[in-house]
Amino acid sequence: MKNILARGGIEFLAVFLGIVLSFNVEEWREESEIKNNLFRDYVSIQKDLEKDIPYLERIISEHSEAYNNSTKLLQILDEEIAFDYNKFISMQKRVSAPNSFFGTKSAYDASVSSGRLTYFGMDSLANEIGKIYNHHYDRLELNGKHVDERSGEIVKINLGKRYKLPLVMQENIKKIKSDDFYVSLVPVNTGQKYFIIRANNALQQMKKVNKLLLNKISSSKWNASGSNSLLMGAFLFVVVLYVLLKDWLRNIGLH
């Protein structure tokens, strides 16, 4: 009877340990899968930033040129620079930037909606990434829209091929010298100035996060392999435990 109870107790212990380990292994497996998916999120976000950085640099260059032109136009109207009709018309044609910035958010939105980005807590990297998509991108989109709207409200002058004809020139100069033209140009110049400032701030944050992500991706490759090794080690431990208990039972004559 004692042998039967002893053997039953040992077998129960073996089964209990196996169940506990199986739960731990499953938990490790789930967390490992989430980490691997988060790793893929990091890769996707980094690739989006890799495309958006030169895109924003080009937008900044275009808006800087437009801002320089609108600034010079105001200086001419303030009589700080001598008025030259042909130069004025040339700069007026380039007073608005041709493009606005719309950052790529698909990878970030997918990571946030799945809960992976903050699954292991709101760490510094997730916080820095959030600054780009929840702050800088939204502000750039809003400011860019504001500048586009103000640019469309500038008093219209004839910029076509006939702008040098005497009657067209006379009408253009009349509009250029008007208070309405000046008043319509000022908010465009101001909007361009602040858009460029915010765009450069966003660019710095994007470059910072891009570097952080590259470092994280490099280190996460090792961590992912470490998780796989841990799972394999747990599986081998269960197998070895079972073999040792079975062998021990055989040696003491309980099996």
Protein backbone atom coordinates (compact mmCIF):
# COMPACT_ATOMS: atom_id res chain seq x y z
CA MET A 1 0.00 0.00 0.00
CA LYS A 2 2.84 2.39 0.89
CA ASN A 3 4.51 1.68 -2.43
CA ILE A 4 1.30 2.40 -4.26
CA LEU A 5 0.80 5.68 -2.35
CA ALA A 6 4.42 6.69 -2.86
CA ARG A 7 4.25 5.91 -6.56
CA GLY A 8 0.92 7.77 -6.85
CA GLY A 9 2.32 10.79 -5.01
CA ILE A 10 5.38 10.95 -7.23
CA GLU A 11 3.30 10.56 -10.38
CA PHE A 12 0.96 13.31 -9.15
CA LEU A 13 3.97 15.55 -8.47
CA ALA A 14 5.31 14.83 -11.94
CA VAL A 15 1.94 15.63 -13.54
CA PHE A 16 1.55 18.79 -11.41
CA LEU A 17 5.02 20.04 -12.33
CA GLY A 18 4.32 19.26 -15.97
CA ILE A 19 1.06 21.27 -15.89
CA VAL A 20 2.73 24.23 -14.15
CA LEU A 21 5.59 24.21 -16.63
CA SER A 22 3.18 23.90 -19.55
CA PHE A 23 1.36 27.04 -18.39
CA ASN A 24 4.66 28.87 -18.04
CA VAL A 25 5.80 27.67 -21.46
CA GLU A 26 2.50 28.86 -22.99
CA GLU A 27 2.87 32.24 -21.32
CA TRP A 28 6.45 32.51 -22.56
CA ARG A 29 5.27 31.50 -26.04
CA GLU A 30 2.54 34.17 -26.11
CA GLU A 31 4.88 36.88 -24.89
CA SER A 32 7.50 35.77 -27.37
CA GLU A 33 4.95 36.02 -30.18
CA ILE A 34 3.92 39.52 -29.06
CA LYS A 35 7.58 40.56 -28.88
CA ASN A 36 8.19 39.22 -32.38
CA ASN A 37 5.14 41.10 -33.71
CA LEU A 38 6.27 44.24 -31.88
CA PHE A 39 9.68 43.78 -33.45
CA ARG A 40 7.98 43.72 -36.87
CA ASP A 41 6.08 46.88 -35.89
CA TYR A 42 9.36 48.60 -35.09
CA VAL A 43 10.74 47.56 -38.48
CA SER A 44 7.64 48.87 -40.29
CA ILE A 45 7.61 52.18 -38.39
CA GLN A 46 11.32 52.64 -39.04
CA LYS A 47 10.79 52.04 -42.78
CA ASP A 48 7.96 54.61 -42.79
CA LEU A 49 10.26 57.15 -41.12
CA GLU A 50 13.03 56.31 -43.56
CA LYS A 51 10.69 57.41 -46.38
CA ASP A 52 9.13 60.36 -44.54
CA ILE A 53 12.42 62.01 -43.50
CA PRO A 54 13.62 62.92 -47.03
CA TYR A 55 10.00 63.72 -47.93
CA LEU A 56 9.77 66.28 -45.11
CA GLU A 57 13.23 67.66 -45.95
CA ARG A 58 11.98 68.36 -49.48
CA ILE A 59 8.83 70.03 -48.12
CA ILE A 60 10.93 72.22 -45.81
CA SER A 61 13.09 73.27 -48.76
CA GLU A 62 10.04 74.18 -50.85
CA HIS A 63 8.41 76.16 -48.03
CA SER A 64 11.70 77.91 -47.21
CA GLU A 65 11.97 79.12 -50.81
CA ALA A 66 8.35 80.31 -50.72
CA TYR A 67 8.95 82.03 -47.37
CA ASN A 68 12.03 83.83 -48.71
CA ASN A 69 10.00 85.06 -51.68
CA SER A 70 7.06 86.28 -49.56
CA THR A 71 9.52 88.02 -47.19
CA LYS A 72 11.19 89.84 -50.07
CA LEU A 73 7.80 90.87 -51.48
CA LEU A 74 6.88 92.41 -48.14
CA GLN A 75 10.24 94.19 -47.99
CA ILE A 76 9.57 95.63 -51.45
CA LEU A 77 6.10 96.78 -50.40
CA ASP A 78 7.63 98.30 -47.23
CA GLU A 79 10.10 100.09 -49.55
CA GLU A 80 13.07 98.40 -47.92
CA ILE A 81 14.00 97.04 -51.38
CA ALA A 82 13.58 98.92 -54.66
CA PHE A 83 10.52 97.90 -56.65
CA ASP A 84 11.25 95.97 -59.84
CA TYR A 85 8.10 94.85 -61.61
CA ASN A 86 9.60 91.86 -63.42
CA LYS A 87 11.38 90.54 -60.32
CA PHE A 88 8.24 91.08 -58.26
CA ILE A 89 6.15 89.02 -60.69
CA SER A 90 8.83 86.30 -60.75
CA MET A 91 8.81 85.99 -56.95
CA GLN A 92 5.01 86.22 -56.78
CA LYS A 93 4.81 83.11 -58.99
CA ARG A 94 6.84 81.22 -56.36
CA VAL A 95 5.29 82.68 -53.21
CA SER A 96 3.47 79.44 -52.39
CA ALA A 97 5.01 76.00 -51.83
CA PRO A 98 3.70 73.40 -54.31
CA ASN A 99 3.31 70.59 -51.77
CA SER A 100 2.21 69.87 -48.19
CA PHE A 101 3.38 67.16 -45.82
CA PHE A 102 1.22 64.15 -44.98
CA GLY A 103 3.20 61.61 -42.96
CA THR A 104 2.72 57.85 -43.20
CA LYS A 105 0.87 56.55 -40.13
CA SER A 106 -0.27 53.06 -41.17
CA ALA A 107 2.38 51.03 -39.29
CA TYR A 108 2.05 53.14 -36.14
CA ASP A 109 -1.76 53.00 -36.18
CA ALA A 110 -1.68 49.20 -36.60
CA SER A 111 0.69 48.79 -33.64
CA VAL A 112 -1.41 51.06 -31.41
CA SER A 113 -4.76 49.49 -32.35
CA SER A 114 -3.40 46.00 -31.65
CA GLY A 115 -2.11 47.11 -28.23
CA ARG A 116 1.39 45.82 -28.97
CA LEU A 117 3.19 49.16 -28.77
CA THR A 118 2.30 49.60 -25.09
CA TYR A 119 1.75 45.93 -24.13
CA PHE A 120 4.92 45.87 -22.02
CA GLY A 121 4.28 49.37 -20.63
CA MET A 122 4.64 52.92 -21.95
CA ASP A 123 8.43 52.95 -22.24
CA SER A 124 10.55 55.85 -23.44
CA LEU A 125 10.68 54.54 -27.02
CA ALA A 126 6.88 54.28 -27.31
CA ASN A 127 6.65 57.79 -25.86
CA GLU A 128 9.14 59.21 -28.37
CA ILE A 129 7.34 57.47 -31.26
CA GLY A 130 4.02 58.87 -30.04
CA LYS A 131 5.39 62.41 -30.14
CA ILE A 132 5.85 62.10 -33.89
CA TYR A 133 2.47 60.70 -34.82
CA ASN A 134 0.23 62.28 -32.16
CA HIS A 135 1.88 65.69 -32.06
CA HIS A 136 4.21 66.65 -34.90
CA TYR A 137 2.35 64.98 -37.79
CA ASP A 138 -1.01 66.38 -36.68
CA ARG A 139 0.37 69.89 -36.26
CA LEU A 140 2.15 69.82 -39.62
CA GLU A 141 -1.01 68.70 -41.36
CA LEU A 142 -3.04 71.44 -39.66
CA ASN A 143 -0.43 74.17 -40.25
CA GLY A 144 0.10 73.11 -43.84
CA LYS A 145 -3.64 73.36 -44.47
CA HIS A 146 -3.67 76.82 -42.86
CA VAL A 147 -0.82 78.06 -45.10
CA ASP A 148 -2.52 76.65 -48.22
CA GLU A 149 -5.77 78.42 -47.33
CA ARG A 150 -4.03 81.74 -46.67
CA SER A 151 -2.06 81.43 -49.92
CA GLY A 152 -5.30 81.04 -51.82
CA GLU A 153 -6.55 84.33 -50.36
CA ILE A 154 -3.71 86.48 -51.74
CA VAL A 155 -5.12 89.18 -54.02
CA LYS A 156 -4.89 87.83 -57.56
CA ILE A 157 -2.74 89.56 -60.16
CA ASN A 158 -2.17 88.56 -63.77
CA LEU A 159 0.86 86.26 -63.86
CA GLY A 160 0.29 84.95 -67.38
CA LYS A 161 2.22 85.59 -70.57
CA ARG A 162 0.65 89.01 -70.99
CA TYR A 163 1.84 90.41 -67.66
CA LYS A 164 4.25 92.75 -69.51
CA LEU A 165 1.55 94.39 -71.65
CA PRO A 166 1.10 98.06 -70.61
CA LEU A 167 -2.55 97.75 -69.56
CA VAL A 168 -1.96 94.49 -67.68
CA MET A 169 1.14 95.94 -66.01
CA GLN A 170 -0.78 99.04 -64.98
CA GLU A 171 -3.58 96.95 -63.44
CA ASN A 172 -1.12 94.63 -61.71
CA ILE A 173 0.85 97.46 -60.15
CA LYS A 174 -2.36 99.04 -58.93
CA LYS A 175 -3.28 95.81 -57.13
CA ILE A 176 0.27 95.26 -55.84
CA LYS A 177 0.37 98.73 -54.28
CA SER A 178 -3.03 98.29 -52.63
CA ASP A 179 -3.54 97.71 -48.93
CA ASP A 180 -5.59 94.59 -49.72
CA PHE A 181 -2.62 92.91 -51.40
CA TYR A 182 -0.32 93.68 -48.47
CA VAL A 183 -2.85 92.51 -45.90
CA SER A 184 -3.44 89.26 -47.79
CA LEU A 185 0.30 88.53 -48.03
CA VAL A 186 1.21 89.03 -44.34
CA PRO A 187 -0.60 85.95 -42.93
CA VAL A 188 0.92 83.78 -45.64
CA ASN A 189 4.42 84.91 -44.68
CA THR A 190 3.70 84.38 -40.96
CA GLY A 191 2.18 80.95 -41.57
CA GLN A 192 5.17 79.86 -43.65
CA LYS A 193 7.56 80.98 -40.94
CA TYR A 194 5.90 78.89 -38.21
CA PHE A 195 5.34 75.93 -40.50
CA ILE A 196 9.09 75.78 -41.21
CA ILE A 197 9.92 76.01 -37.49
CA ARG A 198 7.52 73.18 -36.64
CA ALA A 199 8.63 71.11 -39.60
CA ASN A 200 12.26 71.33 -38.48
CA ASN A 201 11.25 70.34 -34.94
CA ALA A 202 9.37 67.35 -36.36
CA LEU A 203 12.35 66.44 -38.54
CA GLN A 204 14.69 66.39 -35.54
CA GLN A 205 12.28 64.13 -33.63
CA MET A 206 11.91 61.83 -36.64
CA LYS A 207 15.67 61.46 -37.00
CA LYS A 208 16.02 60.84 -33.26
CA VAL A 209 13.36 58.11 -33.25
CA ASN A 210 14.73 56.58 -36.44
CA LYS A 211 18.08 56.14 -34.72
CA LEU A 212 16.44 54.74 -31.56
CA LEU A 213 14.46 52.25 -33.65
CA LEU A 214 17.53 51.08 -35.54
CA ASN A 215 19.28 50.42 -32.21
CA LYS A 216 16.18 48.69 -30.83
CA ILE A 217 15.78 46.51 -33.91
CA SER A 218 19.43 45.47 -33.72
CA SER A 219 19.18 44.48 -30.04
CA SER A 220 15.73 42.87 -30.41
CA LYS A 221 17.09 40.34 -32.91
CA TRP A 222 19.21 38.88 -30.10
CA ASN A 223 16.31 39.02 -27.63
CA ALA A 224 14.04 37.16 -30.03
CA SER A 225 16.54 34.32 -30.32
CA GLY A 226 16.90 34.38 -26.53
CA SER A 227 13.14 33.82 -26.14
CA ASN A 228 13.29 30.85 -28.50
CA SER A 229 16.16 29.38 -26.49
CA LEU A 230 14.16 29.82 -23.29
CA LEU A 231 11.20 27.95 -24.76
CA MET A 232 13.42 25.14 -25.97
CA GLY A 233 15.10 24.96 -22.56
CA ALA A 234 11.74 24.68 -20.79
CA PHE A 235 10.67 21.88 -23.12
CA LEU A 236 13.89 19.97 -22.55
CA PHE A 237 13.54 20.44 -18.78
CA VAL A 238 10.10 18.81 -18.83
CA VAL A 239 11.42 15.88 -20.87
CA VAL A 240 14.46 15.37 -18.63
CA LEU A 241 12.31 15.62 -15.49
CA TYR A 242 9.96 12.95 -16.81
CA VAL A 243 12.83 10.61 -17.73
CA LEU A 244 14.55 11.08 -14.36
CA LEU A 245 11.38 10.43 -12.38
CA LYS A 246 10.57 7.37 -14.45
CA ASP A 247 14.11 6.05 -14.00
CA TRP A 248 14.01 6.76 -10.25
CA LEU A 249 10.73 4.93 -9.86
CA ARG A 250 12.15 1.94 -11.68
CA ASN A 251 15.26 1.88 -9.45
CA ILE A 252 13.24 1.85 -6.22
CA GLY A 253 10.89 -0.76 -7.57
CA LEU A 254 7.77 1.43 -7.70
CA HIS A 255 7.19 1.24 -11.41
